[in-house]
């Protein structure tokens, strides 16, 4: 099952200092046993894909040539944020 969830993306510079943040509404699969909880691996994969393959301005809230710093991904309904580190790629 899929549903629209509100995600909060926070961008940090390579130095670790806060840069900016944005809220986005994305469709995401839900956990089978908890339909109100997003399957966060899909969201992490989406953010990595936008960062690595999306081109300039692909990441929401940014308009530059890409992003080299950490990205914090959070969803209020999930309660467990995830940090995407620079250089982390899909396997």
Protein backbone atom coordinates (compact mmCIF):
# COMPACT_ATOMS: atom_id res chain seq x y z
CA UNK A 1 0.00 0.00 0.00
CA UNK A 2 1.24 3.53 -0.70
CA UNK A 3 0.33 6.87 0.74
CA UNK A 4 1.51 10.50 0.81
CA UNK A 5 3.72 11.37 3.78
CA UNK A 6 5.31 14.68 4.81
CA UNK A 7 9.09 14.44 5.07
CA UNK A 8 11.47 17.01 6.50
CA UNK A 9 14.87 17.26 4.78
CA UNK A 10 17.68 19.11 6.54
CA UNK A 11 20.88 19.85 4.62
CA UNK A 12 24.23 20.28 6.32
CA UNK A 13 27.44 21.59 4.79
CA UNK A 14 30.40 19.23 4.51
CA UNK A 15 31.74 20.88 7.67
CA UNK A 16 28.62 19.70 9.53
CA UNK A 17 27.10 23.17 9.90
CA UNK A 18 23.38 23.61 9.23
CA UNK A 19 22.57 24.92 5.74
CA UNK A 20 18.80 24.81 5.10
CA UNK A 21 15.71 22.62 5.41
CA UNK A 22 12.44 21.97 3.62
CA UNK A 23 9.28 19.90 3.98
CA UNK A 24 8.14 17.77 1.04
CA UNK A 25 5.13 15.55 0.41
CA UNK A 26 6.14 12.27 -1.23
CA UNK A 27 4.28 9.08 -1.99
CA UNK A 28 5.82 6.17 -0.14
CA UNK A 29 5.08 2.52 0.56
CA UNK A 30 3.84 1.79 4.05
CA UNK A 31 4.97 -0.95 6.39
CA UNK A 32 2.70 -3.98 6.04
CA UNK A 33 1.88 -4.19 9.72
CA UNK A 34 1.70 -0.39 10.27
CA UNK A 35 -0.10 1.41 7.42
CA UNK A 36 0.50 4.85 8.99
CA UNK A 37 4.30 4.37 8.95
CA UNK A 38 6.41 5.01 5.83
CA UNK A 39 8.92 2.47 4.57
CA UNK A 40 11.92 4.74 5.12
CA UNK A 41 14.36 2.74 2.95
CA UNK A 42 12.35 3.87 -0.10
CA UNK A 43 12.70 7.50 0.96
CA UNK A 44 16.45 7.19 1.63
CA UNK A 45 16.85 5.58 -1.80
CA UNK A 46 14.87 8.39 -3.43
CA UNK A 47 16.98 11.11 -1.77
CA UNK A 48 20.25 9.32 -2.72
CA UNK A 49 19.01 8.95 -6.31
CA UNK A 50 18.09 12.63 -6.56
CA UNK A 51 21.44 13.59 -5.07
CA UNK A 52 23.49 11.26 -7.29
CA UNK A 53 21.58 11.24 -10.58
CA UNK A 54 19.08 14.06 -10.56
CA UNK A 55 21.19 16.89 -11.89
CA UNK A 56 21.18 20.54 -10.80
CA UNK A 57 18.29 21.51 -8.59
CA UNK A 58 16.99 17.93 -8.26
CA UNK A 59 17.00 17.93 -4.47
CA UNK A 60 14.04 19.84 -3.02
CA UNK A 61 15.07 23.14 -1.48
CA UNK A 62 18.39 23.36 -3.37
CA UNK A 63 19.12 24.92 -6.74
CA UNK A 64 22.86 24.29 -7.14
CA UNK A 65 24.95 21.66 -8.85
CA UNK A 66 24.40 18.92 -6.29
CA UNK A 67 25.07 18.37 -2.64
CA UNK A 68 28.15 17.02 -0.87
CA UNK A 69 27.07 17.31 2.77
CA UNK A 70 24.95 15.12 5.05
CA UNK A 71 21.18 15.10 4.61
CA UNK A 72 18.87 14.40 7.54
CA UNK A 73 15.56 12.79 6.53
CA UNK A 74 12.74 12.78 9.07
CA UNK A 75 9.04 11.95 9.06
CA UNK A 76 6.92 12.87 12.05
CA UNK A 77 4.77 9.77 11.55
CA UNK A 78 7.81 7.49 11.59
CA UNK A 79 9.60 9.01 14.56
CA UNK A 80 13.01 7.69 13.50
CA UNK A 81 15.13 10.06 11.41
CA UNK A 82 17.89 8.89 9.11
CA UNK A 83 21.14 10.55 8.10
CA UNK A 84 22.42 10.15 4.56
CA UNK A 85 26.16 10.70 4.62
CA UNK A 86 28.25 12.09 1.77
CA UNK A 87 29.53 9.37 -0.50
CA UNK A 88 26.91 6.81 0.61
CA UNK A 89 25.65 5.12 -2.55
CA UNK A 90 22.99 2.59 -3.41
CA UNK A 91 24.25 -0.98 -3.50
